[in-house]
């Protein structure tokens, strides 16, 4: 069997499994919490997914929504209305993924949404259940409210092409949704710019004025979380890339890479369940990243039409 057929079969199998998993109805734990992190910063969430809010005398800034079906976003709004006598003035959308911005439009009567400019086509064309930002930016911007300053940073395409970081330097807090992964794995790399993700994690690991890091999933952490995940992604990328350069098939690459990654990163959460998805989608990213020395052959034209990844030429 040719490499292209193997690749198509493996990719179809992986994404079919992912689709079947996500199609299952989720049972929500409803373990909702609000935790004070610093003078003005609070963390909220449930079901191992978290957002944040910044409370000031002049209003509240909410960071992100929640899973659409969890009811946690609606719960937070009720809690804010009950606990505080100031309105939500801004809603920051960390990125376009639906599980992080669902129901953020519930604040539209008092608040304006803020996000990176690249988020707009995702929210609109994918018909996300989300607020549509009235304020957007390209690289960075500052948001001021009630004496608190937030630095919003875009480090280029990473986990998505619009993911931003929220830094409150005076309180030494960094809100790093889906960036501070630590030893927790992404399900796959299908929409990640891997090379820039590696660069961004090094930048965030060395960002000044940070004591506390708030990830979108998992416990409160520190900047070591960026380095832990950096090592995983770098090792996975380098290993697969070398197998590809050595001319190994995807099946050979999967077998050899999986053994190494399981041994090296055995204590990473999800390694048993997600390693195959991680390998195949990283392989697909690297297939598009690199140009092999051997150009396409005449008889491969049909394969090129059937699988665009075979269309690469010198």
Protein backbone atom coordinates (compact mmCIF):
# COMPACT_ATOMS: atom_id res chain seq x y z
CA UNK A 1 0.00 0.00 0.00
CA UNK A 2 1.36 3.43 -0.89
CA UNK A 3 2.12 6.07 1.72
CA UNK A 4 -0.72 8.34 0.58
CA UNK A 5 -3.31 5.61 1.08
CA UNK A 6 -1.92 4.80 4.51
CA UNK A 7 -1.98 8.47 5.48
CA UNK A 8 -5.56 8.97 4.33
CA UNK A 9 -6.71 5.83 6.16
CA UNK A 10 -4.97 6.82 9.40
CA UNK A 11 -6.25 10.38 9.33
CA UNK A 12 -9.82 9.31 8.60
CA UNK A 13 -9.66 6.79 11.44
CA UNK A 14 -8.31 9.35 13.92
CA UNK A 15 -10.83 12.07 13.10
CA UNK A 16 -13.68 9.55 13.08
CA UNK A 17 -12.70 8.55 16.61
CA UNK A 18 -12.51 12.19 17.68
CA UNK A 19 -15.93 12.91 16.17
CA UNK A 20 -17.47 9.91 17.91
CA UNK A 21 -16.01 10.99 21.23
CA UNK A 22 -17.27 14.55 20.96
CA UNK A 23 -20.67 13.40 19.73
CA UNK A 24 -21.32 11.57 23.00
CA UNK A 25 -23.50 13.49 25.39
CA UNK A 26 -21.41 14.93 28.18
CA UNK A 27 -22.38 14.64 31.81
CA UNK A 28 -21.65 17.93 33.58
CA UNK A 29 -20.25 17.83 37.09
CA UNK A 30 -21.54 21.29 37.94
CA UNK A 31 -18.65 21.85 40.38
CA UNK A 32 -18.82 25.62 39.93
CA UNK A 33 -16.39 27.82 41.78
CA UNK A 34 -15.23 31.41 42.07
CA UNK A 35 -11.72 31.80 43.50
CA UNK A 36 -9.99 35.05 44.40
CA UNK A 37 -6.49 35.12 42.90
CA UNK A 38 -5.25 38.64 43.65
CA UNK A 39 -6.65 42.02 44.68
CA UNK A 40 -8.81 42.37 41.56
CA UNK A 41 -8.51 39.04 39.71
CA UNK A 42 -10.89 36.11 40.21
CA UNK A 43 -11.03 32.72 38.55
CA UNK A 44 -14.32 31.01 37.77
CA UNK A 45 -15.42 27.81 36.10
CA UNK A 46 -16.49 24.20 36.36
CA UNK A 47 -15.82 20.82 34.76
CA UNK A 48 -12.08 21.54 34.61
CA UNK A 49 -12.59 24.60 32.39
CA UNK A 50 -12.00 28.10 33.64
CA UNK A 51 -12.30 31.75 32.76
CA UNK A 52 -11.56 34.81 34.87
CA UNK A 53 -12.96 38.17 35.81
CA UNK A 54 -11.42 41.40 37.02
CA UNK A 55 -13.44 43.32 39.59
CA UNK A 56 -13.01 47.09 39.92
CA UNK A 57 -14.97 49.98 41.45
CA UNK A 58 -16.01 51.07 37.96
CA UNK A 59 -17.06 47.73 36.54
CA UNK A 60 -16.13 44.14 35.75
CA UNK A 61 -14.08 42.62 32.96
CA UNK A 62 -15.03 39.02 32.17
CA UNK A 63 -12.57 36.76 30.35
CA UNK A 64 -14.25 34.05 28.23
CA UNK A 65 -17.43 32.07 28.36
CA UNK A 66 -17.84 28.34 28.99
CA UNK A 67 -19.08 25.13 27.45
CA UNK A 68 -22.48 25.79 25.86
CA UNK A 69 -24.23 22.98 27.69
CA UNK A 70 -22.71 23.34 31.14
CA UNK A 71 -24.84 26.26 32.36
CA UNK A 72 -21.76 27.73 34.03
CA UNK A 73 -21.65 30.92 31.95
CA UNK A 74 -25.24 31.69 32.88
CA UNK A 75 -24.49 30.86 36.51
CA UNK A 76 -21.58 33.30 36.53
CA UNK A 77 -23.74 36.16 35.26
CA UNK A 78 -26.28 35.51 38.02
CA UNK A 79 -23.48 35.45 40.61
CA UNK A 80 -22.00 38.72 39.36
CA UNK A 81 -25.41 40.40 39.41
CA UNK A 82 -26.04 39.18 42.95
CA UNK A 83 -22.62 39.84 44.46
CA UNK A 84 -21.61 43.18 42.98
CA UNK A 85 -23.27 46.51 42.28
CA UNK A 86 -21.18 47.33 39.21
CA UNK A 87 -21.91 46.09 35.66
CA UNK A 88 -19.79 44.04 33.32
CA UNK A 89 -18.10 46.62 31.09
CA UNK A 90 -15.89 44.41 28.92
CA UNK A 91 -15.86 40.77 27.80
CA UNK A 92 -12.48 39.53 26.56
CA UNK A 93 -12.57 36.59 24.17
CA UNK A 94 -9.32 34.64 24.43
CA UNK A 95 -9.95 32.91 21.08
CA UNK A 96 -12.67 31.65 18.79
CA UNK A 97 -13.19 28.10 20.04
CA UNK A 98 -16.81 27.68 21.02
CA UNK A 99 -16.15 26.09 24.41
CA UNK A 100 -14.38 29.27 25.52
CA UNK A 101 -16.81 31.92 24.28
CA UNK A 102 -20.26 30.39 24.44
CA UNK A 103 -22.94 32.67 25.94
CA UNK A 104 -20.64 35.70 26.19
CA UNK A 105 -23.37 37.63 24.36
CA UNK A 106 -25.42 37.61 27.57
CA UNK A 107 -23.44 40.70 28.69
CA UNK A 108 -24.21 42.71 25.55
CA UNK A 109 -26.62 45.05 27.34
CA UNK A 110 -23.77 46.60 29.39
CA UNK A 111 -20.49 45.36 27.92
CA UNK A 112 -18.41 45.51 24.76
CA UNK A 113 -16.44 42.46 23.64
CA UNK A 114 -12.69 42.68 22.98
CA UNK A 115 -10.63 40.23 20.91
CA UNK A 116 -7.98 39.83 18.25
CA UNK A 117 -8.97 40.94 14.76
CA UNK A 118 -8.55 37.41 13.37
CA UNK A 119 -11.41 36.12 15.49
CA UNK A 120 -14.13 37.77 13.43
CA UNK A 121 -14.43 35.35 10.48
CA UNK A 122 -14.40 32.38 12.85
CA UNK A 123 -17.20 33.73 15.02
CA UNK A 124 -19.31 34.91 12.11
CA UNK A 125 -18.75 32.21 9.49
CA UNK A 126 -18.86 29.35 12.01
CA UNK A 127 -21.97 30.88 13.58
CA UNK A 128 -20.52 30.73 17.08
CA UNK A 129 -22.81 31.28 20.05
CA UNK A 130 -20.72 34.26 21.14
CA UNK A 131 -20.50 37.98 21.53
CA UNK A 132 -19.11 39.72 18.47
CA UNK A 133 -16.23 42.01 19.47
CA UNK A 134 -16.74 45.73 19.12
CA UNK A 135 -13.07 46.34 19.87
CA UNK A 136 -10.31 44.43 18.07
CA UNK A 137 -6.53 44.76 17.87
CA UNK A 138 -3.60 43.39 15.88
CA UNK A 139 -0.55 42.84 18.10
CA UNK A 140 -1.23 44.30 21.54
CA UNK A 141 -3.43 46.73 23.40
CA UNK A 142 -4.03 47.98 26.92
CA UNK A 143 -7.40 47.96 28.63
CA UNK A 144 -7.96 50.28 31.60
CA UNK A 145 -10.83 50.11 34.08
CA UNK A 146 -11.08 51.29 37.66
CA UNK A 147 -7.35 51.78 38.07
CA UNK A 148 -6.48 48.30 36.75
CA UNK A 149 -4.47 47.89 33.54
CA UNK A 150 -4.64 44.76 31.40
CA UNK A 151 -2.09 44.05 28.68
CA UNK A 152 -3.60 42.03 25.84
CA UNK A 153 -0.98 40.26 23.73
CA UNK A 154 -1.12 38.39 20.45
CA UNK A 155 2.01 36.31 19.85
CA UNK A 156 1.06 35.14 16.40
CA UNK A 157 -0.87 32.01 15.35
CA UNK A 158 -0.52 29.30 18.01
CA UNK A 159 -3.38 27.12 19.26
CA UNK A 160 -5.52 29.19 16.89
CA UNK A 161 -4.83 32.18 14.66
CA UNK A 162 -6.43 34.55 17.20
CA UNK A 163 -5.45 33.30 20.66
CA UNK A 164 -4.44 36.12 23.02
CA UNK A 165 -2.85 36.37 26.47
CA UNK A 166 -4.12 38.64 29.25
CA UNK A 167 -1.47 40.01 31.60
CA UNK A 168 -2.15 42.08 34.72
CA UNK A 169 1.45 43.04 35.58
CA UNK A 170 0.71 45.06 38.73
CA UNK A 171 -0.89 41.96 40.26
CA UNK A 172 1.62 39.60 38.63
CA UNK A 173 -1.12 37.46 37.07
CA UNK A 174 -1.13 36.02 33.56
CA UNK A 175 -4.36 34.62 32.14
CA UNK A 176 -3.09 32.12 29.55
CA UNK A 177 -6.11 30.28 28.21
CA UNK A 178 -5.09 27.13 26.30
CA UNK A 179 -1.43 28.13 26.46
CA UNK A 180 -0.26 27.05 29.94
CA UNK A 181 -0.85 23.36 29.29
CA UNK A 182 1.88 21.96 31.52
CA UNK A 183 1.59 18.18 31.48
CA UNK A 184 -1.89 18.23 29.95
CA UNK A 185 -2.12 17.34 26.27
CA UNK A 186 -4.15 18.97 23.51
CA UNK A 187 -6.41 16.43 21.78
CA UNK A 188 -4.68 17.17 18.47
CA UNK A 189 -2.76 19.80 16.47
CA UNK A 190 -5.21 20.30 13.61
CA UNK A 191 -5.42 24.11 13.89
CA UNK A 192 -2.10 24.85 15.58
CA UNK A 193 0.89 26.65 14.11
CA UNK A 194 3.37 24.36 15.84
CA UNK A 195 6.55 26.30 15.14
CA UNK A 196 5.14 29.55 16.43
CA UNK A 197 3.52 27.75 19.37
CA UNK A 198 6.99 26.67 20.48
CA UNK A 199 8.29 30.23 20.15
CA UNK A 200 5.31 31.64 22.07
CA UNK A 201 5.73 29.22 24.97
CA UNK A 202 9.33 30.31 25.41
CA UNK A 203 8.22 33.95 25.38
CA UNK A 204 5.53 33.34 27.98
CA UNK A 205 7.87 31.30 30.18
CA UNK A 206 10.19 34.31 30.38
CA UNK A 207 7.57 37.06 30.65
CA UNK A 208 8.34 39.44 33.51
CA UNK A 209 5.95 40.35 36.35
CA UNK A 210 4.27 36.94 36.55
CA UNK A 211 3.84 34.89 39.72
CA UNK A 212 0.51 33.22 38.97
CA UNK A 213 -0.66 31.70 35.68
CA UNK A 214 -4.32 30.89 35.05
CA UNK A 215 -4.80 28.24 32.35
CA UNK A 216 -8.09 27.52 30.65
CA UNK A 217 -8.03 23.94 31.95
CA UNK A 218 -6.51 22.52 35.09
CA UNK A 219 -5.27 24.05 38.34
CA UNK A 220 -3.65 27.43 38.90
CA UNK A 221 0.00 27.13 37.93
CA UNK A 222 3.23 28.99 37.24
CA UNK A 223 5.39 29.70 34.19
CA UNK A 224 6.91 26.22 34.44
CA UNK A 225 3.74 25.03 32.69
CA UNK A 226 4.93 26.62 29.45
CA UNK A 227 8.28 24.85 29.63
CA UNK A 228 6.74 21.47 30.43
CA UNK A 229 4.51 21.56 27.39
CA UNK A 230 7.28 23.06 25.26
CA UNK A 231 9.41 19.98 25.89
CA UNK A 232 6.58 17.65 24.86
CA UNK A 233 5.75 19.49 21.63
CA UNK A 234 9.40 20.01 20.66
CA UNK A 235 10.24 16.34 21.20
CA UNK A 236 7.19 15.18 19.26
CA UNK A 237 7.93 17.52 16.36
CA UNK A 238 11.65 16.72 16.16
CA UNK A 239 11.08 12.98 16.38
CA UNK A 240 8.44 12.85 13.64
CA UNK A 241 10.37 15.23 11.42
CA UNK A 242 13.47 13.04 11.57
CA UNK A 243 11.46 9.92 10.69
CA UNK A 244 10.00 11.76 7.70
CA UNK A 245 13.45 12.86 6.56
CA UNK A 246 14.61 9.26 6.88
CA UNK A 247 11.86 8.21 4.48
CA UNK A 248 9.73 6.27 6.93
CA UNK A 249 6.03 5.80 6.31
CA UNK A 250 3.37 7.23 8.56
CA UNK A 251 2.71 3.78 10.03
CA UNK A 252 6.40 3.30 10.84
CA UNK A 253 6.58 6.82 12.25
CA UNK A 254 3.54 6.23 14.44
CA UNK A 255 4.93 3.04 15.93
CA UNK A 256 8.42 4.36 16.65
CA UNK A 257 7.28 7.79 17.89
CA UNK A 258 4.59 6.41 20.16
CA UNK A 259 7.06 4.16 21.96
CA UNK A 260 9.45 7.04 22.59
CA UNK A 261 6.79 9.50 23.71
CA UNK A 262 5.13 7.04 26.08
CA UNK A 263 8.45 6.31 27.73
CA UNK A 264 9.65 9.92 27.93
CA UNK A 265 6.36 11.59 28.89
CA UNK A 266 4.63 8.77 30.75
CA UNK A 267 3.42 11.14 33.48
CA UNK A 268 1.67 13.54 31.11
CA UNK A 269 -2.11 13.52 31.42
CA UNK A 270 -3.84 11.93 28.44
CA UNK A 271 -0.74 10.33 26.93
CA UNK A 272 -2.43 6.91 26.58
CA UNK A 273 -5.64 8.29 25.11
CA UNK A 274 -4.30 11.08 22.88
CA UNK A 275 -0.84 10.13 21.68
CA UNK A 276 -2.06 8.64 18.36
CA UNK A 277 -4.09 11.76 17.56
CA UNK A 278 -1.12 13.92 18.46
CA UNK A 279 1.25 11.95 16.22
CA UNK A 280 -0.99 11.87 13.16
CA UNK A 281 -1.94 15.55 13.27
CA UNK A 282 1.67 16.58 13.92
CA UNK A 283 2.71 14.44 10.94
CA UNK A 284 0.10 16.20 8.82
CA UNK A 285 1.39 19.61 9.94
CA UNK A 286 4.96 18.65 9.11
CA UNK A 287 3.93 17.22 5.74
CA UNK A 288 2.72 20.71 4.82
CA UNK A 289 5.71 22.36 6.51
CA UNK A 290 8.53 20.59 4.70
CA UNK A 291 9.52 20.06 1.07
CA UNK A 292 11.04 16.62 0.39
CA UNK A 293 13.91 16.20 -2.05
CA UNK A 294 12.01 13.79 -4.28
CA UNK A 295 9.47 15.56 -6.50
CA UNK A 296 6.12 14.19 -7.58
CA UNK A 297 6.18 11.50 -10.28
CA UNK A 298 4.02 11.53 -13.38
CA UNK A 299 2.00 8.49 -12.31
CA UNK A 300 1.18 10.20 -9.01
CA UNK A 301 -1.01 12.83 -10.68
CA UNK A 302 -4.17 10.89 -9.84
CA UNK A 303 -3.09 10.60 -6.21
CA UNK A 304 -2.47 14.33 -6.17
CA UNK A 305 -6.04 14.99 -7.24
CA UNK A 306 -7.37 12.61 -4.61
CA UNK A 307 -5.12 13.86 -1.84
CA UNK A 308 -3.81 17.43 -2.11
CA UNK A 309 -0.86 16.62 0.14
CA UNK A 310 0.61 14.70 -2.81
CA UNK A 311 0.71 17.88 -4.90
CA UNK A 312 3.94 19.20 -3.41
CA UNK A 313 6.69 19.65 -6.02
CA UNK A 314 10.21 21.03 -6.09
